[in-house]
């Protein structure tokens, strides 16, 4: 095992912070999906927990809190800290706990992992913990949190900002922040919590992400770099189009193409995926996958049914396994 380019950069930054050579309060890691983002909190904890820079009396951070958007990721985060390969590579012995909303979430360990939902359900409990100890706060998939800025005054009252309102005090009280995401844009074009934006002078009403902020370090790892390092495998992209009609609140809507859907894209997509169109798309994808694997078998000199790496795989995304 070796560190990827962005992982090496995170380790270099954390070493600099630990030694007092780098004045940094926030690390923003924009890492393509599948690029090894889940190792970054482990690297940061290995280099920062308990580290006291020269001339300071207290450690930069004493504990780690890793926040994830889904409960399945909470267990994965817990397992990442006890992974033998990472422990050997980084030389650490830290463990974290997948915590609920009971008091003392760390229970004697180096930190805890929780979800956005848990923090929103008991914000005072987590804030009290952050005020008792200096925390390294790792926020996974930051783009799930809409901003609460003056650029979006209406966002303050929106129901979908509950997670942001609960996380904001933790961000403000953390000793150091590691912010991770596979994208720095939201589908609704709203700002992302804790990131700075400036108004675009050339496009009225638009905003641009501001990355050159004192105290911030930005680490990027895009799809091209991940492919070059073989951190991810190539993906074949295709597209199917269609026409949809739906009735909502007594009003009939009709769109001839996904490219023409504009603000009706969401209801059009859900209409398509809840009808026979979804089965037709899946059948086309399945047939295409079979043809691709057959071509790969010929190229690799394999017989029918013979297993080997490099044939390609089909991944189906659905609301649940039963679906």
C-alpha atoms as a PDB file:
ATOM      1  CA  UNK A   1       0.000   0.000   0.000  1.00  0.00           C
ATOM      2  CA  UNK A   2       1.142   3.535  -0.753  1.00  0.00           C
ATOM      3  CA  UNK A   3      -0.333   6.986  -0.403  1.00  0.00           C
ATOM      4  CA  UNK A   4      -2.017   8.582  -3.396  1.00  0.00           C
ATOM      5  CA  UNK A   5      -1.011  12.061  -4.465  1.00  0.00           C
ATOM      6  CA  UNK A   6      -3.765  13.857  -2.550  1.00  0.00           C
ATOM      7  CA  UNK A   7      -3.185  11.660   0.505  1.00  0.00           C
ATOM      8  CA  UNK A   8       0.503  12.582   0.485  1.00  0.00           C
ATOM      9  CA  UNK A   9      -0.479  16.242   0.287  1.00  0.00           C
ATOM     10  CA  UNK A  10      -2.833  15.903   3.269  1.00  0.00           C
ATOM     11  CA  UNK A  11      -0.089  14.202   5.272  1.00  0.00           C
ATOM     12  CA  UNK A  12       2.393  16.938   4.344  1.00  0.00           C
ATOM     13  CA  UNK A  13      -0.063  19.636   5.417  1.00  0.00           C
ATOM     14  CA  UNK A  14      -0.851  17.905   8.713  1.00  0.00           C
ATOM     15  CA  UNK A  15       2.840  17.431   9.504  1.00  0.00           C
ATOM     16  CA  UNK A  16       3.418  21.132   8.866  1.00  0.00           C
ATOM     17  CA  UNK A  17       0.525  22.088  11.122  1.00  0.00           C
ATOM     18  CA  UNK A  18       1.706  19.721  13.866  1.00  0.00           C
ATOM     19  CA  UNK A  19       5.216  21.202  13.788  1.00  0.00           C
ATOM     20  CA  UNK A  20       3.954  24.774  13.827  1.00  0.00           C
ATOM     21  CA  UNK A  21       5.345  25.467  10.356  1.00  0.00           C
ATOM     22  CA  UNK A  22       1.952  26.033   8.754  1.00  0.00           C
ATOM     23  CA  UNK A  23      -0.804  28.297  10.058  1.00  0.00           C
ATOM     24  CA  UNK A  24      -3.874  26.481   8.798  1.00  0.00           C
ATOM     25  CA  UNK A  25      -7.348  26.177  10.285  1.00  0.00           C
ATOM     26  CA  UNK A  26      -9.214  24.557   7.378  1.00  0.00           C
ATOM     27  CA  UNK A  27      -8.274  21.883   4.852  1.00  0.00           C
ATOM     28  CA  UNK A  28     -10.627  21.472   1.901  1.00  0.00           C
ATOM     29  CA  UNK A  29     -10.215  18.175   0.025  1.00  0.00           C
ATOM     30  CA  UNK A  30     -12.017  17.961  -3.319  1.00  0.00           C
ATOM     31  CA  UNK A  31     -11.548  14.298  -4.227  1.00  0.00           C
ATOM     32  CA  UNK A  32     -13.265  12.511  -7.094  1.00  0.00           C
ATOM     33  CA  UNK A  33     -15.637   9.698  -5.986  1.00  0.00           C
ATOM     34  CA  UNK A  34     -13.684   6.494  -5.385  1.00  0.00           C
ATOM     35  CA  UNK A  35     -10.396   8.377  -5.081  1.00  0.00           C
ATOM     36  CA  UNK A  36      -9.653   7.359  -1.481  1.00  0.00           C
ATOM     37  CA  UNK A  37     -11.280  10.173   0.460  1.00  0.00           C
ATOM     38  CA  UNK A  38     -12.115   7.967   3.459  1.00  0.00           C
ATOM     39  CA  UNK A  39      -8.418   7.622   4.336  1.00  0.00           C
ATOM     40  CA  UNK A  40      -7.945  11.371   4.851  1.00  0.00           C
ATOM     41  CA  UNK A  41      -9.376  11.586   8.413  1.00  0.00           C
ATOM     42  CA  UNK A  42      -7.174   8.623   9.398  1.00  0.00           C
ATOM     43  CA  UNK A  43      -4.091  10.379   7.998  1.00  0.00           C
ATOM     44  CA  UNK A  44      -5.020  13.654   9.696  1.00  0.00           C
ATOM     45  CA  UNK A  45      -5.653  11.962  13.042  1.00  0.00           C
ATOM     46  CA  UNK A  46      -2.377  10.030  12.834  1.00  0.00           C
ATOM     47  CA  UNK A  47      -0.391  13.238  12.393  1.00  0.00           C
ATOM     48  CA  UNK A  48      -2.374  15.750  14.465  1.00  0.00           C
ATOM     49  CA  UNK A  49      -3.983  14.134  17.513  1.00  0.00           C
ATOM     50  CA  UNK A  50      -2.048  15.191  20.600  1.00  0.00           C
ATOM     51  CA  UNK A  51       0.561  17.124  18.600  1.00  0.00           C
ATOM     52  CA  UNK A  52       1.836  20.215  20.453  1.00  0.00           C
ATOM     53  CA  UNK A  53       3.637  22.726  18.177  1.00  0.00           C
ATOM     54  CA  UNK A  54       6.752  24.446  19.550  1.00  0.00           C
ATOM     55  CA  UNK A  55       5.884  27.386  21.766  1.00  0.00           C
ATOM     56  CA  UNK A  56       2.350  26.180  22.521  1.00  0.00           C
ATOM     57  CA  UNK A  57       1.051  24.656  25.728  1.00  0.00           C
ATOM     58  CA  UNK A  58      -1.904  22.679  24.358  1.00  0.00           C
ATOM     59  CA  UNK A  59      -2.298  20.204  21.513  1.00  0.00           C
ATOM     60  CA  UNK A  60      -3.774  21.530  18.295  1.00  0.00           C
ATOM     61  CA  UNK A  61      -6.518  18.913  18.583  1.00  0.00           C
ATOM     62  CA  UNK A  62      -7.248  16.370  21.295  1.00  0.00           C
ATOM     63  CA  UNK A  63      -9.989  14.303  19.667  1.00  0.00           C
ATOM     64  CA  UNK A  64     -11.550  13.683  16.266  1.00  0.00           C
ATOM     65  CA  UNK A  65     -15.185  13.857  15.178  1.00  0.00           C
ATOM     66  CA  UNK A  66     -15.982  12.456  11.746  1.00  0.00           C
ATOM     67  CA  UNK A  67     -19.439  13.389  10.401  1.00  0.00           C
ATOM     68  CA  UNK A  68     -20.952  11.377   7.553  1.00  0.00           C
ATOM     69  CA  UNK A  69     -24.270  11.702   5.679  1.00  0.00           C
ATOM     70  CA  UNK A  70     -25.402   8.062   5.996  1.00  0.00           C
ATOM     71  CA  UNK A  71     -25.381   5.460   8.745  1.00  0.00           C
ATOM     72  CA  UNK A  72     -23.660   2.865   6.514  1.00  0.00           C
ATOM     73  CA  UNK A  73     -20.698   5.223   6.167  1.00  0.00           C
ATOM     74  CA  UNK A  74     -20.480   5.529   9.934  1.00  0.00           C
ATOM     75  CA  UNK A  75     -19.448   1.886  10.302  1.00  0.00           C
ATOM     76  CA  UNK A  76     -17.046   2.174   7.365  1.00  0.00           C
ATOM     77  CA  UNK A  77     -15.385   5.157   9.033  1.00  0.00           C
ATOM     78  CA  UNK A  78     -15.004   3.230  12.267  1.00  0.00           C
ATOM     79  CA  UNK A  79     -13.417   0.321  10.376  1.00  0.00           C
ATOM     80  CA  UNK A  80     -11.007   2.621   8.513  1.00  0.00           C
ATOM     81  CA  UNK A  81      -9.244   3.439  11.803  1.00  0.00           C
ATOM     82  CA  UNK A  82      -8.608  -0.202  12.676  1.00  0.00           C
ATOM     83  CA  UNK A  83      -7.522  -1.224   9.181  1.00  0.00           C
ATOM     84  CA  UNK A  84      -4.211  -3.047   9.642  1.00  0.00           C
ATOM     85  CA  UNK A  85      -2.685  -1.781   6.415  1.00  0.00           C
ATOM     86  CA  UNK A  86      -3.336   1.860   7.286  1.00  0.00           C
ATOM     87  CA  UNK A  87      -2.092   1.347  10.844  1.00  0.00           C
ATOM     88  CA  UNK A  88       1.160  -0.136   9.562  1.00  0.00           C
ATOM     89  CA  UNK A  89       1.640   2.539   6.921  1.00  0.00           C
ATOM     90  CA  UNK A  90       0.900   5.507   9.190  1.00  0.00           C
ATOM     91  CA  UNK A  91       2.153   4.044  12.449  1.00  0.00           C
ATOM     92  CA  UNK A  92      -0.932   4.983  14.444  1.00  0.00           C
ATOM     93  CA  UNK A  93      -2.999   3.198  17.087  1.00  0.00           C
ATOM     94  CA  UNK A  94      -6.049   5.443  17.181  1.00  0.00           C
ATOM     95  CA  UNK A  95      -9.581   4.065  17.253  1.00  0.00           C
ATOM     96  CA  UNK A  96     -12.897   5.874  16.920  1.00  0.00           C
ATOM     97  CA  UNK A  97     -16.394   4.882  17.947  1.00  0.00           C
ATOM     98  CA  UNK A  98     -19.573   4.845  15.864  1.00  0.00           C
ATOM     99  CA  UNK A  99     -21.587   6.858  18.367  1.00  0.00           C
ATOM    100  CA  UNK A 100     -25.235   7.560  18.968  1.00  0.00           C
ATOM    101  CA  UNK A 101     -26.552  10.567  20.874  1.00  0.00           C
ATOM    102  CA  UNK A 102     -25.611   9.312  24.333  1.00  0.00           C
ATOM    103  CA  UNK A 103     -23.271  11.378  26.543  1.00  0.00           C
ATOM    104  CA  UNK A 104     -19.504  10.846  26.249  1.00  0.00           C
ATOM    105  CA  UNK A 105     -19.502   9.761  22.592  1.00  0.00           C
ATOM    106  CA  UNK A 106     -15.783   8.847  22.546  1.00  0.00           C
ATOM    107  CA  UNK A 107     -15.892   6.436  25.531  1.00  0.00           C
ATOM    108  CA  UNK A 108     -12.129   6.639  26.048  1.00  0.00           C
ATOM    109  CA  UNK A 109     -11.217   6.353  22.362  1.00  0.00           C
ATOM    110  CA  UNK A 110      -9.560   8.961  20.132  1.00  0.00           C
ATOM    111  CA  UNK A 111     -12.856  10.225  18.785  1.00  0.00           C
ATOM    112  CA  UNK A 112     -16.241   9.331  17.390  1.00  0.00           C
ATOM    113  CA  UNK A 113     -18.137   9.034  14.125  1.00  0.00           C
ATOM    114  CA  UNK A 114     -21.682  10.314  13.785  1.00  0.00           C
ATOM    115  CA  UNK A 115     -24.171  11.364  11.138  1.00  0.00           C
ATOM    116  CA  UNK A 116     -25.697  14.676  10.090  1.00  0.00           C
ATOM    117  CA  UNK A 117     -29.057  13.364  11.302  1.00  0.00           C
ATOM    118  CA  UNK A 118     -27.726  12.558  14.784  1.00  0.00           C
ATOM    119  CA  UNK A 119     -26.205  16.012  15.222  1.00  0.00           C
ATOM    120  CA  UNK A 120     -29.417  17.679  14.045  1.00  0.00           C
ATOM    121  CA  UNK A 121     -31.368  15.583  16.574  1.00  0.00           C
ATOM    122  CA  UNK A 122     -29.156  16.573  19.533  1.00  0.00           C
ATOM    123  CA  UNK A 123     -27.083  19.642  18.603  1.00  0.00           C
ATOM    124  CA  UNK A 124     -26.548  20.755  22.223  1.00  0.00           C
ATOM    125  CA  UNK A 125     -24.961  17.427  23.179  1.00  0.00           C
ATOM    126  CA  UNK A 126     -22.357  17.604  20.414  1.00  0.00           C
ATOM    127  CA  UNK A 127     -21.661  21.291  20.947  1.00  0.00           C
ATOM    128  CA  UNK A 128     -21.003  20.662  24.661  1.00  0.00           C
ATOM    129  CA  UNK A 129     -18.501  17.944  23.673  1.00  0.00           C
ATOM    130  CA  UNK A 130     -16.714  20.366  21.321  1.00  0.00           C
ATOM    131  CA  UNK A 131     -16.494  22.936  24.101  1.00  0.00           C
ATOM    132  CA  UNK A 132     -14.909  20.411  26.489  1.00  0.00           C
ATOM    133  CA  UNK A 133     -12.195  19.277  24.086  1.00  0.00           C
ATOM    134  CA  UNK A 134     -10.345  20.643  21.063  1.00  0.00           C
ATOM    135  CA  UNK A 135     -11.679  18.666  18.119  1.00  0.00           C
ATOM    136  CA  UNK A 136     -10.466  17.859  14.646  1.00  0.00           C
ATOM    137  CA  UNK A 137     -13.793  18.019  12.780  1.00  0.00           C
ATOM    138  CA  UNK A 138     -13.954  15.979   9.575  1.00  0.00           C
ATOM    139  CA  UNK A 139     -17.060  16.666   7.509  1.00  0.00           C
ATOM    140  CA  UNK A 140     -17.681  14.077   4.796  1.00  0.00           C
ATOM    141  CA  UNK A 141     -19.629  15.057   1.657  1.00  0.00           C
ATOM    142  CA  UNK A 142     -19.779  18.713   2.644  1.00  0.00           C
ATOM    143  CA  UNK A 143     -21.933  19.574  -0.383  1.00  0.00           C
ATOM    144  CA  UNK A 144     -24.949  18.027   1.396  1.00  0.00           C
ATOM    145  CA  UNK A 145     -24.987  21.118   3.630  1.00  0.00           C
ATOM    146  CA  UNK A 146     -26.562  24.227   2.047  1.00  0.00           C
ATOM    147  CA  UNK A 147     -25.033  27.527   3.092  1.00  0.00           C
ATOM    148  CA  UNK A 148     -26.537  30.002   5.527  1.00  0.00           C
ATOM    149  CA  UNK A 149     -25.021  33.118   3.994  1.00  0.00           C
ATOM    150  CA  UNK A 150     -26.284  36.588   3.148  1.00  0.00           C
ATOM    151  CA  UNK A 151     -26.172  35.587  -0.508  1.00  0.00           C
ATOM    152  CA  UNK A 152     -29.071  33.231   0.214  1.00  0.00           C
ATOM    153  CA  UNK A 153     -31.196  34.989   2.824  1.00  0.00           C
ATOM    154  CA  UNK A 154     -34.141  32.702   2.114  1.00  0.00           C
ATOM    155  CA  UNK A 155     -32.054  29.656   2.975  1.00  0.00           C
ATOM    156  CA  UNK A 156     -32.140  30.559   6.671  1.00  0.00           C
ATOM    157  CA  UNK A 157     -35.781  29.540   6.928  1.00  0.00           C
ATOM    158  CA  UNK A 158     -35.701  26.530   4.608  1.00  0.00           C
ATOM    159  CA  UNK A 159     -36.404  23.125   6.122  1.00  0.00           C
ATOM    160  CA  UNK A 160     -33.437  21.530   4.352  1.00  0.00           C
ATOM    161  CA  UNK A 161     -30.980  23.714   6.272  1.00  0.00           C
ATOM    162  CA  UNK A 162     -31.574  21.853   9.557  1.00  0.00           C
ATOM    163  CA  UNK A 163     -28.322  19.916   9.141  1.00  0.00           C
ATOM    164  CA  UNK A 164     -26.418  23.108   8.347  1.00  0.00           C
ATOM    165  CA  UNK A 165     -27.796  24.942  11.361  1.00  0.00           C
ATOM    166  CA  UNK A 166     -26.778  22.047  13.626  1.00  0.00           C
ATOM    167  CA  UNK A 167     -23.286  21.684  12.103  1.00  0.00           C
ATOM    168  CA  UNK A 168     -22.407  25.384  12.031  1.00  0.00           C
ATOM    169  CA  UNK A 169     -21.670  25.720  15.805  1.00  0.00           C
ATOM    170  CA  UNK A 170     -19.392  22.672  15.619  1.00  0.00           C
ATOM    171  CA  UNK A 171     -17.499  24.203  12.703  1.00  0.00           C
ATOM    172  CA  UNK A 172     -17.118  27.424  14.678  1.00  0.00           C
ATOM    173  CA  UNK A 173     -15.801  25.632  17.786  1.00  0.00           C
ATOM    174  CA  UNK A 174     -13.526  23.059  16.143  1.00  0.00           C
ATOM    175  CA  UNK A 175      -9.773  23.338  16.615  1.00  0.00           C
ATOM    176  CA  UNK A 176      -9.161  22.306  13.006  1.00  0.00           C
ATOM    177  CA  UNK A 177     -11.478  21.382  10.144  1.00  0.00           C
ATOM    178  CA  UNK A 178     -11.054  18.822   7.352  1.00  0.00           C
ATOM    179  CA  UNK A 179     -13.804  19.348   4.783  1.00  0.00           C
ATOM    180  CA  UNK A 180     -14.237  16.646   2.149  1.00  0.00           C
ATOM    181  CA  UNK A 181     -16.390  16.355  -0.950  1.00  0.00           C
ATOM    182  CA  UNK A 182     -16.467  14.797  -4.384  1.00  0.00           C
ATOM    183  CA  UNK A 183     -17.960  17.987  -5.811  1.00  0.00           C
ATOM    184  CA  UNK A 184     -17.861  21.673  -4.906  1.00  0.00           C
ATOM    185  CA  UNK A 185     -21.227  22.404  -6.504  1.00  0.00           C
ATOM    186  CA  UNK A 186     -24.782  21.618  -5.434  1.00  0.00           C
ATOM    187  CA  UNK A 187     -27.422  20.570  -7.939  1.00  0.00           C
ATOM    188  CA  UNK A 188     -29.665  23.428  -6.763  1.00  0.00           C
ATOM    189  CA  UNK A 189     -26.820  25.947  -7.274  1.00  0.00           C
ATOM    190  CA  UNK A 190     -27.024  27.107  -3.671  1.00  0.00           C
ATOM    191  CA  UNK A 191     -23.813  27.810  -1.748  1.00  0.00           C
ATOM    192  CA  UNK A 192     -22.195  25.156   0.423  1.00  0.00           C
ATOM    193  CA  UNK A 193     -21.930  25.683   4.161  1.00  0.00           C
ATOM    194  CA  UNK A 194     -18.671  27.203   5.492  1.00  0.00           C
ATOM    195  CA  UNK A 195     -17.235  27.895   2.026  1.00  0.00           C
ATOM    196  CA  UNK A 196     -16.684  31.502   0.963  1.00  0.00           C
ATOM    197  CA  UNK A 197     -18.244  32.973  -2.146  1.00  0.00           C
ATOM    198  CA  UNK A 198     -18.040  36.279  -3.949  1.00  0.00           C
ATOM    199  CA  UNK A 199     -20.473  37.851  -6.347  1.00  0.00           C
ATOM    200  CA  UNK A 200     -19.628  37.356  -9.998  1.00  0.00           C
ATOM    201  CA  UNK A 201     -19.185  40.817 -11.509  1.00  0.00           C
ATOM    202  CA  UNK A 202     -19.609  39.500 -15.044  1.00  0.00           C
ATOM    203  CA  UNK A 203     -22.808  37.534 -14.347  1.00  0.00           C
ATOM    204  CA  UNK A 204     -25.313  39.419 -12.163  1.00  0.00           C
ATOM    205  CA  UNK A 205     -27.003  37.246  -9.564  1.00  0.00           C
ATOM    206  CA  UNK A 206     -24.318  34.574  -9.763  1.00  0.00           C
ATOM    207  CA  UNK A 207     -21.598  33.712  -7.234  1.00  0.00           C
ATOM    208  CA  UNK A 208     -18.169  32.164  -7.483  1.00  0.00           C
ATOM    209  CA  UNK A 209     -16.384  29.980  -4.961  1.00  0.00           C
ATOM    210  CA  UNK A 210     -13.455  31.792  -3.334  1.00  0.00           C
ATOM    211  CA  UNK A 211     -10.578  29.412  -2.567  1.00  0.00           C
ATOM    212  CA  UNK A 212      -7.677  31.789  -1.893  1.00  0.00           C
ATOM    213  CA  UNK A 213      -8.511  32.426   1.747  1.00  0.00           C
ATOM    214  CA  UNK A 214      -5.839  32.931   4.449  1.00  0.00           C
ATOM    215  CA  UNK A 215      -5.684  29.941   6.768  1.00  0.00           C
ATOM    216  CA  UNK A 216      -7.143  27.583   4.178  1.00  0.00           C
ATOM    217  CA  UNK A 217      -5.401  24.777   2.292  1.00  0.00           C
ATOM    218  CA  UNK A 218      -7.075  23.251  -0.755  1.00  0.00           C
ATOM    219  CA  UNK A 219      -6.204  19.779  -2.018  1.00  0.00           C
ATOM    220  CA  UNK A 220      -7.643  18.542  -5.306  1.00  0.00           C
ATOM    221  CA  UNK A 221      -7.723  15.075  -6.831  1.00  0.00           C
ATOM    222  CA  UNK A 222      -9.758  14.894 -10.019  1.00  0.00           C
ATOM    223  CA  UNK A 223     -10.890  11.954 -12.116  1.00  0.00           C
ATOM    224  CA  UNK A 224      -7.961  12.235 -14.533  1.00  0.00           C
ATOM    225  CA  UNK A 225      -5.401  12.021 -11.712  1.00  0.00           C
ATOM    226  CA  UNK A 226      -7.247   9.104 -10.107  1.00  0.00           C
ATOM    227  CA  UNK A 227      -7.283   7.195 -13.392  1.00  0.00           C
ATOM    228  CA  UNK A 228      -3.573   7.878 -13.932  1.00  0.00           C
ATOM    229  CA  UNK A 229      -2.747   6.457 -10.494  1.00  0.00           C
ATOM    230  CA  UNK A 230      -5.215   3.575 -10.991  1.00  0.00           C
ATOM    231  CA  UNK A 231      -7.084   4.635  -7.870  1.00  0.00           C
ATOM    232  CA  UNK A 232     -10.285   4.112  -9.874  1.00  0.00           C
ATOM    233  CA  UNK A 233     -11.133   2.122 -12.963  1.00  0.00           C
ATOM    234  CA  UNK A 234     -12.440   3.623 -16.228  1.00  0.00           C
ATOM    235  CA  UNK A 235     -16.199   4.007 -16.609  1.00  0.00           C
ATOM    236  CA  UNK A 236     -18.106   3.817 -19.898  1.00  0.00           C
ATOM    237  CA  UNK A 237     -20.698   6.569 -20.159  1.00  0.00           C
ATOM    238  CA  UNK A 238     -23.838   6.397 -22.286  1.00  0.00           C
ATOM    239  CA  UNK A 239     -27.144   8.239 -22.345  1.00  0.00           C
ATOM    240  CA  UNK A 240     -30.759   7.477 -23.230  1.00  0.00           C
ATOM    241  CA  UNK A 241     -33.438  10.077 -23.800  1.00  0.00           C
ATOM    242  CA  UNK A 242     -37.210   9.933 -23.628  1.00  0.00           C
ATOM    243  CA  UNK A 243     -40.537  11.749 -23.510  1.00  0.00           C
ATOM    244  CA  UNK A 244     -42.639  11.991 -20.359  1.00  0.00           C
ATOM    245  CA  UNK A 245     -46.112  13.112 -19.331  1.00  0.00           C
ATOM    246  CA  UNK A 246     -47.347  13.397 -15.773  1.00  0.00           C
ATOM    247  CA  UNK A 247     -50.284  14.772 -13.836  1.00  0.00           C
ATOM    248  CA  UNK A 248     -49.517  16.797 -10.699  1.00  0.00           C
ATOM    249  CA  UNK A 249     -52.203  18.589  -8.670  1.00  0.00           C
ATOM    250  CA  UNK A 250     -54.576  18.352 -11.613  1.00  0.00           C
ATOM    251  CA  UNK A 251     -52.095  19.918 -14.058  1.00  0.00           C
ATOM    252  CA  UNK A 252     -50.805  17.920 -17.028  1.00  0.00           C
ATOM    253  CA  UNK A 253     -47.137  18.407 -17.930  1.00  0.00           C
ATOM    254  CA  UNK A 254     -45.348  17.083 -20.978  1.00  0.00           C
ATOM    255  CA  UNK A 255     -41.643  17.252 -21.877  1.00  0.00           C
ATOM    256  CA  UNK A 256     -40.234  15.860 -25.121  1.00  0.00           C
ATOM    257  CA  UNK A 257     -36.636  15.415 -23.958  1.00  0.00           C
ATOM    258  CA  UNK A 258     -34.534  15.463 -20.794  1.00  0.00           C
ATOM    259  CA  UNK A 259     -32.409  18.179 -22.371  1.00  0.00           C
ATOM    260  CA  UNK A 260     -35.524  20.368 -22.652  1.00  0.00           C
ATOM    261  CA  UNK A 261     -36.826  19.685 -19.143  1.00  0.00           C
ATOM    262  CA  UNK A 262     -35.215  22.714 -17.454  1.00  0.00           C
ATOM    263  CA  UNK A 263     -36.968  23.246 -14.087  1.00  0.00           C
ATOM    264  CA  UNK A 264     -39.174  20.201 -14.774  1.00  0.00           C
ATOM    265  CA  UNK A 265     -36.212  17.823 -14.837  1.00  0.00           C
ATOM    266  CA  UNK A 266     -36.833  16.406 -11.358  1.00  0.00           C
ATOM    267  CA  UNK A 267     -40.536  15.483 -11.836  1.00  0.00           C
ATOM    268  CA  UNK A 268     -39.737  14.181 -15.327  1.00  0.00           C
ATOM    269  CA  UNK A 269     -36.961  11.971 -13.997  1.00  0.00           C
ATOM    270  CA  UNK A 270     -39.128  10.547 -11.217  1.00  0.00           C
ATOM    271  CA  UNK A 271     -41.941   9.911 -13.712  1.00  0.00           C
ATOM    272  CA  UNK A 272     -39.579   7.966 -15.945  1.00  0.00           C
ATOM    273  CA  UNK A 273     -38.035   5.943 -13.124  1.00  0.00           C
ATOM    274  CA  UNK A 274     -41.412   4.953 -11.678  1.00  0.00           C
ATOM    275  CA  UNK A 275     -42.816   3.573 -14.931  1.00  0.00           C
ATOM    276  CA  UNK A 276     -41.899   0.929 -17.490  1.00  0.00           C
ATOM    277  CA  UNK A 277     -39.292   3.318 -18.865  1.00  0.00           C
ATOM    278  CA  UNK A 278     -37.028   2.369 -15.944  1.00  0.00           C
ATOM    279  CA  UNK A 279     -37.173  -1.316 -16.869  1.00  0.00           C
ATOM    280  CA  UNK A 280     -36.421  -0.475 -20.501  1.00  0.00           C
ATOM    281  CA  UNK A 281     -33.351   1.546 -19.459  1.00  0.00           C
ATOM    282  CA  UNK A 282     -32.136  -1.280 -17.223  1.00  0.00           C
ATOM    283  CA  UNK A 283     -32.610  -3.822 -20.020  1.00  0.00           C
ATOM    284  CA  UNK A 284     -30.625  -1.643 -22.444  1.00  0.00           C
ATOM    285  CA  UNK A 285     -27.842  -1.245 -19.881  1.00  0.00           C
ATOM    286  CA  UNK A 286     -27.794  -4.984 -19.173  1.00  0.00           C
ATOM    287  CA  UNK A 287     -27.606  -5.864 -22.878  1.00  0.00           C
ATOM    288  CA  UNK A 288     -24.849  -3.299 -23.424  1.00  0.00           C
ATOM    289  CA  UNK A 289     -22.889  -4.725 -20.477  1.00  0.00           C
ATOM    290  CA  UNK A 290     -23.184  -8.260 -21.882  1.00  0.00           C
ATOM    291  CA  UNK A 291     -21.923  -7.098 -25.277  1.00  0.00           C
ATOM    292  CA  UNK A 292     -19.030  -5.244 -23.677  1.00  0.00           C
ATOM    293  CA  UNK A 293     -18.022  -8.259 -21.576  1.00  0.00           C
ATOM    294  CA  UNK A 294     -18.230 -10.502 -24.652  1.00  0.00           C
ATOM    295  CA  UNK A 295     -15.842  -8.208 -26.516  1.00  0.00           C
ATOM    296  CA  UNK A 296     -13.503  -8.185 -23.520  1.00  0.00           C
ATOM    297  CA  UNK A 297     -13.534 -11.998 -23.403  1.00  0.00           C
ATOM    298  CA  UNK A 298     -12.457 -12.134 -27.045  1.00  0.00           C
ATOM    299  CA  UNK A 299      -9.727  -9.548 -26.431  1.00  0.00           C
ATOM    300  CA  UNK A 300      -8.446 -11.456 -23.375  1.00  0.00           C
ATOM    301  CA  UNK A 301      -8.735 -14.886 -25.014  1.00  0.00           C
ATOM    302  CA  UNK A 302     -11.247 -16.187 -22.474  1.00  0.00           C
ATOM    303  CA  UNK A 303     -13.894 -18.792 -22.969  1.00  0.00           C
ATOM    304  CA  UNK A 304     -17.627 -18.421 -22.080  1.00  0.00           C
ATOM    305  CA  UNK A 305     -18.180 -18.301 -18.332  1.00  0.00           C
ATOM    306  CA  UNK A 306     -14.455 -18.089 -17.544  1.00  0.00           C
ATOM    307  CA  UNK A 307     -13.822 -15.584 -14.760  1.00  0.00           C
ATOM    308  CA  UNK A 308     -11.029 -13.009 -14.963  1.00  0.00           C
ATOM    309  CA  UNK A 309     -10.393  -9.404 -13.936  1.00  0.00           C
ATOM    310  CA  UNK A 310     -10.890  -6.712 -16.537  1.00  0.00           C
ATOM    311  CA  UNK A 311     -14.216  -7.869 -17.962  1.00  0.00           C
ATOM    312  CA  UNK A 312     -16.135  -4.917 -16.578  1.00  0.00           C
ATOM    313  CA  UNK A 313     -18.980  -4.719 -14.056  1.00  0.00           C
ATOM    314  CA  UNK A 314     -22.507  -3.369 -14.020  1.00  0.00           C
ATOM    315  CA  UNK A 315     -23.619  -1.246 -11.056  1.00  0.00           C
ATOM    316  CA  UNK A 316     -27.332  -0.550 -10.599  1.00  0.00           C
ATOM    317  CA  UNK A 317     -28.340   2.329  -8.311  1.00  0.00           C
ATOM    318  CA  UNK A 318     -31.812   2.056  -6.755  1.00  0.00           C
ATOM    319  CA  UNK A 319     -33.648   3.332  -3.647  1.00  0.00           C
ATOM    320  CA  UNK A 320     -33.181  -0.056  -1.974  1.00  0.00           C
ATOM    321  CA  UNK A 321     -32.141  -3.627  -2.789  1.00  0.00           C
ATOM    322  CA  UNK A 322     -35.716  -4.873  -3.069  1.00  0.00           C
ATOM    323  CA  UNK A 323     -36.400  -2.312  -5.800  1.00  0.00           C
END
